[in-house]
């Protein structure tokens, strides 16, 4: 994301030019459209007009990176506060100041109170700890449930999966394949069964065997589908989950924001999982969904393998957003 912002603010041909004031002895240049407001700041404090010019270009760059408008306005406010009255030299000093204030704003947005899933699971007495996983079609939700089961197993926690997506053809079989590969029991009924009954059976199975975690997959549903939303509400009433996670696709940009917002309104969610972050060059979905829902990112998907679900780390995400190449 920073590469796009930098190109917008400083221009690819202007960043490395020498300072006219030091190379020729001439007075510092005034701001030009190709480098808005930056040269104007040489040797004296930035004016409000200069700051607004910078922020206007910053806004365009952020919107093009799929950052939602409310988030853009928050970042603008933070940067305006930081830049007001600063005395900057031409070029590098301005870039450093803008980058630092942008980083501080992003870090603040992403730093929601975290969910320590392992600690919460181990503190649950009696077990099991119940996790309900919701989201729209096509976000990789069912695969994410399998990846989460694999991750929990790596933490020495026992898991059972409820195949609650009885609506989509092949969803039960998909989970059965994952369960066989991972050595994890999948509780299921036939296609078209009541998903709340499947979830109830999985919880009963876990209680009888004192398993640590029940992961409940659900049918992918559009937030506008009232019947499926009511079905999800019924599942919640029946199993009373300790944690409800929304799975969104980072590549859908602002659609993910709208989906997360509607699911929160309809069901109540506790945290977010974003998939396909390895293919998301913009990064706006992570900022937008976290800011609007005020819920933390708990995990991020960064690949196709079971091991490619990572606990969310603010420092990692900030490095990724500020990278001018590819952050790993």
Protein backbone atom coordinates (compact mmCIF):
# COMPACT_ATOMS: atom_id res chain seq x y z
CA UNK A 1 0.00 0.00 0.00
CA UNK A 2 2.79 2.44 0.86
CA UNK A 3 4.27 2.08 -2.65
CA UNK A 4 1.00 3.38 -4.14
CA UNK A 5 0.82 6.22 -1.61
CA UNK A 6 4.45 7.18 -2.19
CA UNK A 7 4.00 7.23 -5.96
CA UNK A 8 0.93 9.39 -5.60
CA UNK A 9 2.47 11.89 -3.17
CA UNK A 10 5.98 12.20 -4.51
CA UNK A 11 5.83 11.03 -8.11
CA UNK A 12 8.22 8.41 -9.54
CA UNK A 13 10.36 10.98 -11.28
CA UNK A 14 10.63 13.47 -8.43
CA UNK A 15 11.71 11.41 -5.45
CA UNK A 16 15.40 11.25 -6.24
CA UNK A 17 15.93 14.68 -7.80
CA UNK A 18 18.42 16.90 -5.97
CA UNK A 19 17.15 19.76 -3.87
CA UNK A 20 17.27 22.85 -6.10
CA UNK A 21 18.14 25.01 -3.14
CA UNK A 22 21.29 23.04 -2.31
CA UNK A 23 22.43 22.29 -5.86
CA UNK A 24 22.15 25.80 -7.32
CA UNK A 25 21.87 28.11 -4.33
CA UNK A 26 18.47 29.22 -5.57
CA UNK A 27 15.50 29.56 -3.21
CA UNK A 28 13.49 26.46 -2.53
CA UNK A 29 10.94 25.65 -5.19
CA UNK A 30 7.26 26.05 -4.58
CA UNK A 31 4.83 23.17 -4.65
CA UNK A 32 4.02 21.70 -8.03
CA UNK A 33 1.22 19.39 -9.14
CA UNK A 34 3.70 16.53 -9.61
CA UNK A 35 4.88 16.81 -6.01
CA UNK A 36 2.01 18.41 -4.10
CA UNK A 37 3.00 20.54 -1.16
CA UNK A 38 6.32 18.84 -0.46
CA UNK A 39 8.75 21.44 -1.80
CA UNK A 40 6.71 24.19 -0.20
CA UNK A 41 7.68 22.78 3.19
CA UNK A 42 11.41 23.32 2.69
CA UNK A 43 12.92 25.47 5.41
CA UNK A 44 9.67 26.46 7.07
CA UNK A 45 6.59 25.03 8.67
CA UNK A 46 3.96 23.36 6.52
CA UNK A 47 0.90 25.50 5.97
CA UNK A 48 -2.62 24.20 6.38
CA UNK A 49 -3.05 24.55 2.62
CA UNK A 50 0.03 22.40 1.97
CA UNK A 51 -1.16 19.72 4.39
CA UNK A 52 -4.59 19.59 2.78
CA UNK A 53 -3.00 19.18 -0.65
CA UNK A 54 -0.96 16.25 0.61
CA UNK A 55 -3.99 14.71 2.31
CA UNK A 56 -6.12 14.97 -0.83
CA UNK A 57 -3.60 12.90 -2.77
CA UNK A 58 -3.24 10.52 0.16
CA UNK A 59 -7.01 10.02 0.16
CA UNK A 60 -7.03 9.08 -3.52
CA UNK A 61 -4.20 6.58 -3.02
CA UNK A 62 -5.98 4.98 -0.04
CA UNK A 63 -9.33 4.72 -1.83
CA UNK A 64 -7.56 3.07 -4.77
CA UNK A 65 -6.13 0.56 -2.27
CA UNK A 66 -9.67 -0.47 -1.19
CA UNK A 67 -9.57 1.44 2.08
CA UNK A 68 -13.11 2.43 3.04
CA UNK A 69 -13.96 6.11 3.29
CA UNK A 70 -14.51 6.15 7.09
CA UNK A 71 -11.02 4.67 7.51
CA UNK A 72 -9.55 7.20 5.10
CA UNK A 73 -11.10 10.02 7.10
CA UNK A 74 -9.61 8.63 10.32
CA UNK A 75 -6.15 8.36 8.74
CA UNK A 76 -6.44 11.88 7.33
CA UNK A 77 -7.34 13.20 10.77
CA UNK A 78 -4.39 11.43 12.39
CA UNK A 79 -1.87 12.61 9.79
CA UNK A 80 -3.18 16.18 9.81
CA UNK A 81 -2.66 16.29 13.57
CA UNK A 82 0.89 14.94 13.25
CA UNK A 83 1.95 17.19 10.36
CA UNK A 84 0.50 20.45 11.65
CA UNK A 85 3.33 22.89 12.32
CA UNK A 86 6.14 20.48 11.41
CA UNK A 87 9.26 21.95 9.85
CA UNK A 88 10.34 19.69 7.00
CA UNK A 89 13.13 19.68 4.45
CA UNK A 90 12.49 18.96 0.80
CA UNK A 91 11.92 15.33 -0.23
CA UNK A 92 13.15 12.72 2.20
CA UNK A 93 12.17 14.48 5.44
CA UNK A 94 8.62 14.97 4.22
CA UNK A 95 8.36 11.35 3.13
CA UNK A 96 9.68 10.15 6.50
CA UNK A 97 7.23 12.29 8.42
CA UNK A 98 4.22 11.24 6.36
CA UNK A 99 5.22 7.59 6.49
CA UNK A 100 5.70 7.68 10.27
CA UNK A 101 2.34 9.32 10.91
CA UNK A 102 0.64 6.93 8.47
CA UNK A 103 2.20 3.95 10.25
CA UNK A 104 1.08 5.21 13.66
CA UNK A 105 -2.49 5.64 12.41
CA UNK A 106 -2.59 2.19 10.79
CA UNK A 107 -1.17 0.55 13.90
CA UNK A 108 -3.80 2.24 16.05
CA UNK A 109 -6.63 1.04 13.79
CA UNK A 110 -5.38 -2.55 13.72
CA UNK A 111 -4.65 -2.75 17.44
CA UNK A 112 -8.03 -3.97 18.64
CA UNK A 113 -7.99 -5.95 21.91
CA UNK A 114 -6.69 -9.36 20.79
CA UNK A 115 -8.34 -12.74 21.30
CA UNK A 116 -6.00 -15.33 22.80
CA UNK A 117 -7.77 -18.41 21.50
CA UNK A 118 -5.49 -21.01 23.10
CA UNK A 119 -5.73 -19.40 26.52
CA UNK A 120 -9.51 -19.13 26.23
CA UNK A 121 -9.84 -22.77 25.19
CA UNK A 122 -7.69 -23.99 28.07
CA UNK A 123 -9.63 -21.85 30.52
CA UNK A 124 -12.98 -23.32 29.45
CA UNK A 125 -14.32 -25.56 32.22
CA UNK A 126 -15.89 -27.90 31.49
CA UNK A 127 -14.91 -28.32 27.85
CA UNK A 128 -15.60 -27.93 25.00
CA UNK A 129 -14.93 -24.41 23.79
CA UNK A 130 -17.35 -23.80 20.90
CA UNK A 131 -16.38 -21.76 17.84
CA UNK A 132 -19.00 -20.81 15.23
CA UNK A 133 -17.62 -19.90 11.81
CA UNK A 134 -19.75 -17.76 9.46
CA UNK A 135 -19.32 -15.94 6.19
CA UNK A 136 -20.56 -15.58 2.62
CA UNK A 137 -20.14 -18.00 -0.26
CA UNK A 138 -16.75 -18.34 -1.88
CA UNK A 139 -14.51 -16.94 0.86
CA UNK A 140 -12.79 -20.23 1.65
CA UNK A 141 -14.72 -20.68 4.89
CA UNK A 142 -14.85 -24.48 4.94
CA UNK A 143 -11.16 -24.78 4.08
CA UNK A 144 -10.42 -22.21 6.78
CA UNK A 145 -12.25 -24.38 9.32
CA UNK A 146 -9.94 -27.26 8.38
CA UNK A 147 -6.87 -25.01 8.64
CA UNK A 148 -8.02 -23.77 12.05
CA UNK A 149 -8.50 -27.37 13.21
CA UNK A 150 -4.94 -28.14 12.06
CA UNK A 151 -3.59 -25.09 13.92
CA UNK A 152 -5.42 -26.01 17.12
CA UNK A 153 -4.05 -29.53 16.87
CA UNK A 154 -0.58 -28.03 16.68
CA UNK A 155 -1.31 -26.36 20.02
CA UNK A 156 -1.97 -29.80 21.53
CA UNK A 157 -5.72 -29.22 21.65
CA UNK A 158 -8.29 -31.86 20.66
CA UNK A 159 -10.85 -30.84 18.06
CA UNK A 160 -14.08 -32.06 16.49
CA UNK A 161 -15.67 -30.42 13.44
CA UNK A 162 -19.41 -30.03 12.88
CA UNK A 163 -20.33 -30.18 9.19
CA UNK A 164 -23.07 -27.57 9.54
CA UNK A 165 -23.07 -26.60 5.87
CA UNK A 166 -25.83 -29.02 4.89
CA UNK A 167 -27.01 -26.65 2.15
CA UNK A 168 -24.13 -26.69 -0.36
CA UNK A 169 -23.68 -29.84 -2.39
CA UNK A 170 -20.32 -31.41 -1.61
CA UNK A 171 -19.61 -29.37 1.53
CA UNK A 172 -19.95 -32.38 3.84
CA UNK A 173 -17.70 -34.49 1.63
CA UNK A 174 -15.15 -31.68 1.50
CA UNK A 175 -14.94 -31.59 5.29
CA UNK A 176 -14.77 -35.38 5.48
CA UNK A 177 -11.72 -35.34 3.22
CA UNK A 178 -10.08 -32.68 5.39
CA UNK A 179 -10.95 -34.61 8.54
CA UNK A 180 -9.42 -37.81 7.17
CA UNK A 181 -6.23 -36.00 6.19
CA UNK A 182 -5.95 -34.32 9.58
CA UNK A 183 -7.08 -37.25 11.68
CA UNK A 184 -9.99 -35.22 13.09
CA UNK A 185 -13.55 -36.46 13.62
CA UNK A 186 -16.22 -34.74 11.51
CA UNK A 187 -19.77 -34.95 12.88
CA UNK A 188 -22.30 -34.93 10.06
CA UNK A 189 -25.80 -35.78 8.95
CA UNK A 190 -27.19 -36.15 5.46
CA UNK A 191 -27.41 -33.24 3.04
CA UNK A 192 -30.38 -31.00 3.81
CA UNK A 193 -30.43 -31.85 7.52
CA UNK A 194 -30.99 -29.22 10.19
CA UNK A 195 -27.53 -27.65 10.74
CA UNK A 196 -28.43 -26.76 14.34
CA UNK A 197 -28.96 -30.47 15.02
CA UNK A 198 -25.57 -31.27 13.50
CA UNK A 199 -23.91 -28.64 15.69
CA UNK A 200 -25.73 -29.96 18.77
CA UNK A 201 -24.52 -33.50 18.04
CA UNK A 202 -20.93 -32.28 17.67
CA UNK A 203 -21.08 -30.49 21.02
CA UNK A 204 -22.56 -33.58 22.70
CA UNK A 205 -19.81 -35.72 21.15
CA UNK A 206 -17.14 -33.35 22.46
CA UNK A 207 -18.64 -33.22 25.96
CA UNK A 208 -18.83 -37.00 26.19
CA UNK A 209 -15.17 -37.34 25.22
CA UNK A 210 -13.96 -34.15 26.92
CA UNK A 211 -12.57 -32.74 23.69
CA UNK A 212 -11.22 -29.21 23.84
CA UNK A 213 -12.80 -27.48 20.84
CA UNK A 214 -15.85 -27.78 18.59
CA UNK A 215 -15.53 -25.97 15.25
CA UNK A 216 -18.92 -25.43 13.62
CA UNK A 217 -18.87 -24.84 9.88
CA UNK A 218 -21.98 -23.17 8.46
CA UNK A 219 -23.48 -22.63 5.05
CA UNK A 220 -22.06 -19.66 3.21
CA UNK A 221 -24.81 -17.10 3.22
CA UNK A 222 -25.29 -13.65 1.81
CA UNK A 223 -26.14 -11.20 4.55
CA UNK A 224 -29.30 -10.33 2.59
CA UNK A 225 -30.61 -13.93 2.66
CA UNK A 226 -33.07 -13.78 5.55
CA UNK A 227 -33.74 -17.54 5.68
CA UNK A 228 -30.08 -18.46 5.99
CA UNK A 229 -29.44 -15.69 8.51
CA UNK A 230 -32.30 -17.00 10.63
CA UNK A 231 -30.77 -20.47 10.34
CA UNK A 232 -27.48 -19.12 11.69
CA UNK A 233 -29.32 -17.46 14.56
CA UNK A 234 -30.92 -20.81 15.40
CA UNK A 235 -27.49 -22.47 15.50
CA UNK A 236 -26.32 -19.78 17.92
CA UNK A 237 -29.32 -20.33 20.19
CA UNK A 238 -28.82 -24.10 20.23
CA UNK A 239 -25.08 -24.29 20.88
CA UNK A 240 -24.37 -20.88 22.47
CA UNK A 241 -20.87 -20.51 21.00
CA UNK A 242 -18.08 -18.96 23.02
CA UNK A 243 -16.61 -17.36 19.89
CA UNK A 244 -18.14 -16.39 16.53
CA UNK A 245 -15.66 -15.75 13.73
CA UNK A 246 -16.45 -14.09 10.40
CA UNK A 247 -14.42 -15.29 7.42
CA UNK A 248 -13.91 -12.75 4.64
CA UNK A 249 -12.00 -12.70 1.36
CA UNK A 250 -9.35 -9.95 1.31
CA UNK A 251 -9.54 -9.74 -2.48
CA UNK A 252 -13.13 -8.49 -2.41
CA UNK A 253 -12.03 -5.20 -0.86
CA UNK A 254 -14.90 -3.08 0.40
CA UNK A 255 -17.37 -5.94 -0.14
CA UNK A 256 -15.68 -7.69 2.78
CA UNK A 257 -16.28 -4.61 4.92
CA UNK A 258 -19.98 -4.52 4.08
CA UNK A 259 -20.36 -8.26 4.66
CA UNK A 260 -18.63 -8.15 8.05
CA UNK A 261 -20.74 -5.18 9.09
CA UNK A 262 -24.02 -6.91 8.16
CA UNK A 263 -23.05 -10.16 9.84
CA UNK A 264 -22.18 -8.26 12.99
CA UNK A 265 -25.57 -6.55 12.94
CA UNK A 266 -27.48 -9.78 12.24
CA UNK A 267 -25.58 -12.32 14.34
CA UNK A 268 -22.93 -10.60 16.39
CA UNK A 269 -19.33 -11.54 15.67
CA UNK A 270 -16.32 -11.57 17.97
CA UNK A 271 -13.45 -11.59 15.51
CA UNK A 272 -12.37 -11.76 11.88
CA UNK A 273 -10.43 -14.12 9.67
CA UNK A 274 -9.25 -12.79 6.31
CA UNK A 275 -8.32 -15.25 3.58
CA UNK A 276 -6.15 -14.78 0.47
CA UNK A 277 -3.96 -12.08 2.00
CA UNK A 278 -1.05 -13.61 0.10
CA UNK A 279 -2.71 -12.45 -3.14
CA UNK A 280 -3.91 -9.08 -1.83
CA UNK A 281 -1.49 -6.36 -2.96
CA UNK A 282 -3.66 -3.51 -1.64
CA UNK A 283 -4.41 -4.45 1.97
CA UNK A 284 -7.41 -2.22 2.39
CA UNK A 285 -9.79 -4.97 3.53
CA UNK A 286 -7.86 -5.62 6.74
CA UNK A 287 -7.92 -1.97 7.76
CA UNK A 288 -11.52 -1.41 6.75
CA UNK A 289 -13.10 -4.48 8.35
CA UNK A 290 -11.23 -3.98 11.63
CA UNK A 291 -12.08 -0.28 11.83
CA UNK A 292 -15.77 -0.57 11.02
CA UNK A 293 -16.58 -3.64 13.13
CA UNK A 294 -14.22 -2.69 15.99
CA UNK A 295 -13.40 -6.41 16.14
CA UNK A 296 -9.90 -7.88 16.01
CA UNK A 297 -8.37 -9.87 13.22
CA UNK A 298 -7.72 -13.27 14.78
CA UNK A 299 -6.21 -15.20 11.86
CA UNK A 300 -5.10 -14.49 8.31
CA UNK A 301 -4.88 -16.91 5.40
CA UNK A 302 -1.67 -16.62 3.38
CA UNK A 303 -1.72 -19.72 1.18
CA UNK A 304 -3.40 -22.97 0.25
CA UNK A 305 -1.75 -25.34 2.75
CA UNK A 306 -3.07 -26.27 6.19
CA UNK A 307 -0.12 -24.45 7.73
CA UNK A 308 -0.98 -21.24 5.87
CA UNK A 309 -3.37 -19.92 8.51
CA UNK A 310 -1.49 -17.59 10.85
CA UNK A 311 -2.51 -15.87 14.07
CA UNK A 312 -2.81 -12.20 13.24
CA UNK A 313 0.18 -10.08 14.17
CA UNK A 314 -0.09 -6.29 14.02
CA UNK A 315 3.63 -5.82 13.34
CA UNK A 316 3.49 -8.24 10.42
CA UNK A 317 0.50 -6.47 8.92
CA UNK A 318 2.05 -3.02 9.34
CA UNK A 319 5.25 -4.23 7.64
CA UNK A 320 3.15 -5.62 4.81
CA UNK A 321 1.21 -2.40 4.31
CA UNK A 322 4.35 -0.27 4.40
CA UNK A 323 6.42 -2.57 2.22
CA UNK A 324 7.39 -1.29 -1.21
CA UNK A 325 7.85 -4.86 -2.36
CA UNK A 326 6.41 -8.07 -0.87
CA UNK A 327 6.27 -8.58 2.88
CA UNK A 328 6.52 -12.15 4.05
